[in-house]
Amino acid sequence: MERNAPSLQALPLPDVVKIVEVGPRDGLQNEARHVPAAVKVQLINRLSEAGFANIEAASFVSPKWVPQMADGAEVMGAIARRTGTAYSALTPNMKGFEAALAAGADEAVIFGAASEAFSQRNINCSVAESISRFEPVAAAAKAAGLRLRASISCALGCPYEGEIAIEKVAEVVSRMRDLGCDEIDIADTIGVGTPLRTQAVMNAAAQVFPRERLAGHFHDTYGQALPNILASLQVGIRIFHASVAGLGGCPYAKGASGNVATEDLLYMLHGMGIHTGIDLGQVIQAGAFISEAIGRPYGSRVGKALLERNCQQQGA
């Protein structure tokens, strides 16, 4: 497929990139074992101290569907808020939005899909119906002065439909734009995207929405997250999502592994001379903390390597 893809002229790499840390929400939502609110609060506080400008902190969805996120209000009420950090919450409907607003969320996050099959299995309605449902949420967010962000799942492939037409992604971006979204995430939910396809999708999205307000949300199922981020940088994308320790997955996308590890992304960006404002060492400590707290192996290759190196240096 990529051999026949058109070559695209690379834009100058940005000097600054914004990282949206999604570990506390997207990373933890699928954990089968209950993660106490106190652990989530400590994780968010550690990430705030590391310097993130945006942290996805909670999800105000029905506890019936995502029990791990049932303590969103408790978590949002207990975190130590850092000046300069926006704390986001997933808000699937007006009830969720009102709860997020009461909890002090700085940004409301709505979500749709570029795949009809995925939309039906995820939220039991068509893509068009899902976006219509978000109209009152979007209006309420704007009236309350909150930032509004939209995430578009399966933009580079669907577990049920396979490859998604680029035109379909652009159409959904247009619909989200019309709701007044400040930022729109292009999400490779199952991690099947490859660099040239990623560039083509990002360029199509940028035809209908400002390029500087598009974000890349890449899963690393096939080891393509960092290559796809580099490809996105080359076509002017400046915002990326990542999850501390590589936590996460998708309950409606069987086999999808976690988001790209924040530590791995930071190592790449800093090595390229791109500024993020984030302390990699503090993120590694946060990753080690949450991995131990939930009983999972540390999922960042950079984090593991640097921790091991530090231990060797201390033992020398």
Protein backbone atom coordinates (compact mmCIF):
# COMPACT_ATOMS: atom_id res chain seq x y z
CA MET A 1 0.00 0.00 0.00
CA GLU A 2 2.76 2.47 0.94
CA ARG A 3 4.78 1.87 -2.25
CA ASN A 4 1.98 3.48 -4.23
CA ALA A 5 1.41 6.32 -1.77
CA PRO A 6 2.43 9.76 -3.02
CA SER A 7 5.61 11.25 -1.59
CA LEU A 8 4.80 14.23 0.60
CA GLN A 9 7.03 17.24 1.13
CA ALA A 10 8.16 17.49 4.73
CA LEU A 11 7.55 20.73 6.60
CA PRO A 12 10.17 22.13 9.00
CA LEU A 13 10.08 20.31 12.33
CA PRO A 14 8.50 22.33 15.15
CA ASP A 15 10.60 23.80 17.96
CA VAL A 16 7.90 23.02 20.53
CA VAL A 17 5.47 20.11 20.85
CA LYS A 18 2.55 19.75 23.25
CA ILE A 19 2.11 16.36 24.92
CA VAL A 20 -1.31 15.38 26.26
CA GLU A 21 -0.77 12.82 29.02
CA VAL A 22 -3.64 10.30 28.86
CA GLY A 23 -2.40 7.66 31.31
CA PRO A 24 -4.69 8.49 34.26
CA ARG A 25 -7.78 8.08 32.07
CA ASP A 26 -7.15 6.20 28.84
CA GLY A 27 -4.30 4.28 30.41
CA LEU A 28 -6.10 3.03 33.50
CA GLN A 29 -9.69 2.64 32.30
CA ASN A 30 -9.27 -0.99 31.24
CA GLU A 31 -7.48 -2.26 34.32
CA ALA A 32 -9.48 -5.21 35.65
CA ARG A 33 -8.22 -4.77 39.18
CA HIS A 34 -9.58 -1.71 40.97
CA VAL A 35 -7.11 1.16 41.14
CA PRO A 36 -7.81 3.22 44.29
CA ALA A 37 -8.58 6.90 43.89
CA ALA A 38 -5.57 7.75 46.07
CA VAL A 39 -3.26 6.02 43.59
CA LYS A 40 -4.82 7.91 40.67
CA VAL A 41 -4.45 11.19 42.57
CA GLN A 42 -0.79 10.53 43.32
CA LEU A 43 -0.15 9.62 39.68
CA ILE A 44 -1.78 12.82 38.42
CA ASN A 45 0.13 14.90 40.97
CA ARG A 46 3.42 13.35 39.88
CA LEU A 47 2.60 14.06 36.24
CA SER A 48 1.61 17.64 37.07
CA GLU A 49 4.95 18.18 38.79
CA ALA A 50 6.71 16.82 35.69
CA GLY A 51 5.37 19.80 33.73
CA PHE A 52 2.55 18.55 31.48
CA ALA A 53 0.34 21.28 30.05
CA ASN A 54 -2.59 18.89 29.63
CA ILE A 55 -3.52 15.77 31.61
CA GLU A 56 -6.52 13.58 30.84
CA ALA A 57 -7.56 13.02 34.44
CA ALA A 58 -11.00 11.42 34.56
CA SER A 59 -13.96 10.04 32.67
CA PHE A 60 -17.56 10.81 33.58
CA VAL A 61 -19.16 7.84 31.88
CA SER A 62 -21.59 5.35 33.36
CA PRO A 63 -19.87 3.19 36.03
CA LYS A 64 -21.79 0.28 34.53
CA TRP A 65 -19.69 0.51 31.38
CA VAL A 66 -16.37 1.71 32.80
CA PRO A 67 -16.29 0.88 36.54
CA GLN A 68 -12.63 1.87 36.84
CA MET A 69 -13.59 5.50 36.22
CA ALA A 70 -16.45 5.65 38.75
CA ASP A 71 -14.38 7.80 41.14
CA GLY A 72 -13.83 10.68 38.72
CA ALA A 73 -15.31 13.37 40.97
CA GLU A 74 -13.30 12.13 43.97
CA VAL A 75 -10.09 12.14 41.96
CA MET A 76 -10.68 15.57 40.43
CA GLY A 77 -11.49 16.98 43.87
CA ALA A 78 -8.31 15.68 45.48
CA ILE A 79 -5.58 16.45 42.94
CA ALA A 80 -3.09 19.26 43.54
CA ARG A 81 -3.75 21.48 40.56
CA ARG A 82 -0.71 23.05 38.94
CA THR A 83 -0.99 26.48 37.37
CA GLY A 84 -0.55 26.07 33.65
CA THR A 85 -1.94 22.53 33.51
CA ALA A 86 -5.36 21.81 32.01
CA TYR A 87 -7.16 18.80 33.48
CA SER A 88 -9.45 17.09 30.97
CA ALA A 89 -12.41 14.79 31.43
CA LEU A 90 -14.27 12.53 29.03
CA THR A 91 -17.92 13.65 28.80
CA PRO A 92 -20.15 11.34 26.71
CA ASN A 93 -23.44 13.11 27.46
CA MET A 94 -24.96 16.03 29.38
CA LYS A 95 -25.02 14.11 32.64
CA GLY A 96 -21.33 13.41 32.29
CA PHE A 97 -20.60 16.99 31.27
CA GLU A 98 -22.45 18.42 34.26
CA ALA A 99 -20.51 16.11 36.58
CA ALA A 100 -17.22 17.10 34.94
CA LEU A 101 -18.07 20.79 35.21
CA ALA A 102 -18.94 20.41 38.89
CA ALA A 103 -15.65 18.58 39.44
CA GLY A 104 -13.67 21.46 37.97
CA ALA A 105 -12.61 20.03 34.61
CA ASP A 106 -10.79 22.51 32.38
CA GLU A 107 -11.56 20.68 29.15
CA ALA A 108 -14.46 18.51 28.02
CA VAL A 109 -13.58 15.63 25.71
CA ILE A 110 -16.13 14.14 23.32
CA PHE A 111 -15.47 11.16 21.09
CA GLY A 112 -16.61 9.68 17.83
CA ALA A 113 -15.29 7.25 15.26
CA ALA A 114 -14.38 7.23 11.60
CA SER A 115 -15.82 3.70 11.39
CA GLU A 116 -19.56 2.98 11.37
CA ALA A 117 -19.03 -0.56 12.69
CA PHE A 118 -16.85 0.64 15.55
CA SER A 119 -19.35 3.37 16.44
CA GLN A 120 -22.17 0.82 16.62
CA ARG A 121 -20.18 -1.53 18.86
CA ASN A 122 -18.74 1.23 21.01
CA ILE A 123 -21.75 3.49 21.64
CA ASN A 124 -24.59 1.67 19.84
CA CYS A 125 -25.32 4.30 17.21
CA SER A 126 -24.14 5.56 13.84
CA VAL A 127 -21.34 8.09 13.47
CA ALA A 128 -23.82 10.82 12.52
CA GLU A 129 -26.05 9.99 15.50
CA SER A 130 -23.08 10.03 17.88
CA ILE A 131 -22.06 13.50 16.77
CA SER A 132 -25.64 14.77 17.05
CA ARG A 133 -25.71 13.52 20.64
CA PHE A 134 -22.72 15.72 21.40
CA GLU A 135 -24.35 18.94 20.19
CA PRO A 136 -25.77 19.90 23.63
CA VAL A 137 -22.51 18.93 25.33
CA ALA A 138 -20.52 21.10 22.94
CA ALA A 139 -22.89 24.04 23.40
CA ALA A 140 -22.77 23.69 27.18
CA ALA A 141 -18.97 23.51 27.20
CA LYS A 142 -18.73 26.69 25.17
CA ALA A 143 -21.28 28.45 27.37
CA ALA A 144 -19.29 27.47 30.46
CA GLY A 145 -16.01 28.67 28.97
CA LEU A 146 -14.42 25.22 28.83
CA ARG A 147 -12.12 24.03 26.10
CA LEU A 148 -13.71 21.38 23.89
CA ARG A 149 -11.71 18.53 22.41
CA ALA A 150 -12.88 15.71 20.16
CA SER A 151 -11.24 12.35 19.61
CA ILE A 152 -11.84 10.38 16.40
CA SER A 153 -11.28 6.65 16.89
CA CYS A 154 -10.17 4.20 14.19
CA ALA A 155 -8.92 6.95 11.89
CA LEU A 156 -6.23 4.65 10.47
CA GLY A 157 -8.03 1.33 10.63
CA CYS A 158 -10.90 -0.54 12.28
CA PRO A 159 -10.98 -4.02 13.82
CA TYR A 160 -14.30 -4.66 12.06
CA GLU A 161 -14.08 -2.72 8.77
CA GLY A 162 -10.35 -2.77 8.10
CA GLU A 163 -8.94 0.25 6.28
CA ILE A 164 -10.96 3.44 6.63
CA ALA A 165 -11.35 5.82 3.69
CA ILE A 166 -9.42 9.03 4.18
CA GLU A 167 -12.44 10.99 3.01
CA LYS A 168 -14.46 9.50 5.87
CA VAL A 169 -11.94 10.74 8.43
CA ALA A 170 -12.03 14.24 6.93
CA GLU A 171 -15.84 14.18 7.02
CA VAL A 172 -15.89 13.37 10.74
CA VAL A 173 -13.26 16.05 11.41
CA SER A 174 -15.55 18.54 9.64
CA ARG A 175 -18.51 17.52 11.77
CA MET A 176 -16.48 17.90 14.97
CA ARG A 177 -15.19 21.26 13.77
CA ASP A 178 -18.75 22.43 13.30
CA LEU A 179 -19.46 21.63 16.97
CA GLY A 180 -16.84 24.22 17.90
CA CYS A 181 -13.99 21.92 18.93
CA ASP A 182 -10.77 23.65 19.91
CA GLU A 183 -8.68 20.55 19.24
CA ILE A 184 -9.30 17.30 17.37
CA ASP A 185 -7.43 14.04 17.92
CA ILE A 186 -6.74 11.67 15.04
CA ALA A 187 -6.58 8.31 16.82
CA ASP A 188 -5.04 5.07 15.58
CA THR A 189 -7.05 3.01 18.05
CA ILE A 190 -5.70 -0.39 17.04
CA GLY A 191 -2.23 0.74 16.04
CA VAL A 192 -2.31 -0.42 12.41
CA GLY A 193 -1.25 2.87 10.82
CA THR A 194 2.03 3.29 8.97
CA PRO A 195 3.92 6.53 8.20
CA LEU A 196 2.82 7.49 4.69
CA ARG A 197 -0.81 6.60 5.39
CA THR A 198 -0.58 8.63 8.59
CA GLN A 199 0.71 11.63 6.66
CA ALA A 200 -2.08 11.32 4.10
CA VAL A 201 -4.74 11.19 6.82
CA MET A 202 -3.24 14.14 8.71
CA ASN A 203 -3.03 16.22 5.54
CA ALA A 204 -6.64 15.43 4.67
CA ALA A 205 -7.75 16.43 8.16
CA ALA A 206 -5.74 19.64 7.87
CA GLN A 207 -7.74 20.59 4.77
CA VAL A 208 -10.84 21.03 6.95
CA PHE A 209 -9.39 21.95 10.37
CA PRO A 210 -6.36 24.04 11.43
CA ARG A 211 -3.26 21.85 11.30
CA GLU A 212 -1.84 23.37 14.50
CA ARG A 213 -4.92 22.19 16.43
CA LEU A 214 -4.83 18.59 15.23
CA ALA A 215 -3.37 15.94 17.52
CA GLY A 216 -2.00 12.46 16.95
CA HIS A 217 -3.10 9.63 19.26
CA PHE A 218 -1.13 6.51 18.39
CA HIS A 219 -1.23 3.02 19.84
CA ASP A 220 1.84 0.83 19.55
CA THR A 221 0.27 -2.53 18.71
CA TYR A 222 2.55 -3.07 15.70
CA GLY A 223 5.46 -0.93 16.92
CA GLN A 224 4.48 1.95 14.63
CA ALA A 225 3.62 4.68 17.14
CA LEU A 226 6.96 6.52 17.11
CA PRO A 227 7.40 6.22 13.31
CA ASN A 228 3.88 7.59 12.87
CA ILE A 229 4.61 10.46 15.25
CA LEU A 230 7.76 11.34 13.31
CA ALA A 231 5.74 11.20 10.09
CA SER A 232 3.15 13.50 11.65
CA LEU A 233 5.84 15.94 12.77
CA GLN A 234 7.05 16.09 9.19
CA VAL A 235 3.65 17.33 8.02
CA GLY A 236 3.28 19.94 10.75
CA ILE A 237 1.44 18.19 13.59
CA ARG A 238 2.48 19.65 16.95
CA ILE A 239 0.27 17.89 19.50
CA PHE A 240 0.56 14.25 20.54
CA HIS A 241 -1.01 11.98 23.12
CA ALA A 242 1.01 9.55 25.19
CA SER A 243 0.48 7.36 28.23
CA VAL A 244 2.93 7.06 31.10
CA ALA A 245 4.49 3.57 31.18
CA GLY A 246 2.63 2.72 27.96
CA LEU A 247 -0.58 2.01 29.87
CA GLY A 248 -3.86 1.48 28.07
CA GLY A 249 -5.77 -0.24 25.33
CA CYS A 250 -9.33 -0.18 24.06
CA PRO A 251 -12.21 -2.30 25.43
CA TYR A 252 -13.88 -2.37 22.00
CA ALA A 253 -10.74 -3.12 19.97
CA LYS A 254 -9.54 -6.62 20.79
CA GLY A 255 -5.78 -6.95 20.74
CA ALA A 256 -5.06 -3.23 20.79
CA SER A 257 -2.10 -2.52 23.03
CA GLY A 258 -1.45 0.64 24.95
CA ASN A 259 -0.72 4.13 23.76
CA VAL A 260 2.84 5.05 22.98
CA ALA A 261 4.78 5.34 26.24
CA THR A 262 5.27 8.95 27.26
CA GLU A 263 8.85 8.25 28.29
CA ASP A 264 9.73 6.84 24.86
CA LEU A 265 8.13 9.80 23.07
CA LEU A 266 9.91 12.34 25.28
CA TYR A 267 13.27 10.66 24.71
CA MET A 268 12.76 10.88 20.94
CA LEU A 269 11.56 14.48 20.93
CA HIS A 270 14.24 15.74 23.31
CA GLY A 271 16.87 13.91 21.28
CA MET A 272 15.64 15.81 18.22
CA GLY A 273 15.99 19.13 20.02
CA ILE A 274 12.22 19.64 20.30
CA HIS A 275 11.07 21.36 23.50
CA THR A 276 8.21 19.88 25.53
CA GLY A 277 8.57 21.55 28.94
CA ILE A 278 8.37 18.11 30.57
CA ASP A 279 10.95 16.53 32.90
CA LEU A 280 11.68 13.02 31.57
CA GLY A 281 13.21 11.87 34.85
CA GLN A 282 10.06 12.75 36.78
CA VAL A 283 7.89 10.98 34.22
CA ILE A 284 10.04 7.84 34.59
CA GLN A 285 9.53 7.93 38.35
CA ALA A 286 5.76 8.33 37.79
CA GLY A 287 5.82 5.38 35.39
CA ALA A 288 7.69 3.19 37.87
CA PHE A 289 5.25 4.23 40.60
CA ILE A 290 2.07 3.37 38.70
CA SER A 291 3.48 0.13 37.30
CA GLU A 292 4.29 -1.08 40.81
CA ALA A 293 0.97 0.18 42.19
CA ILE A 294 -1.11 -1.81 39.67
CA GLY A 295 1.21 -4.82 39.54
CA ARG A 296 2.23 -4.52 35.90
CA PRO A 297 5.65 -4.68 34.26
CA TYR A 298 6.99 -1.24 33.40
CA GLY A 299 5.96 -0.74 29.78
CA SER A 300 8.41 1.94 28.66
CA ARG A 301 11.65 0.81 27.07
CA VAL A 302 13.29 4.17 27.75
CA GLY A 303 12.10 4.15 31.36
CA LYS A 304 13.43 0.66 32.00
CA ALA A 305 16.75 1.41 30.32
CA LEU A 306 17.38 4.63 32.21
CA LEU A 307 16.32 3.16 35.55
CA GLU A 308 18.67 0.25 34.98
CA ARG A 309 21.50 2.58 34.02
CA ASN A 310 20.96 4.67 37.14
CA CYS A 311 21.01 1.55 39.31
CA GLN A 312 24.27 0.44 37.70
CA GLN A 313 25.83 3.87 38.22
CA GLN A 314 24.77 3.93 41.86
CA GLY A 315 26.18 0.46 42.40
CA ALA A 316 29.50 1.28 40.75
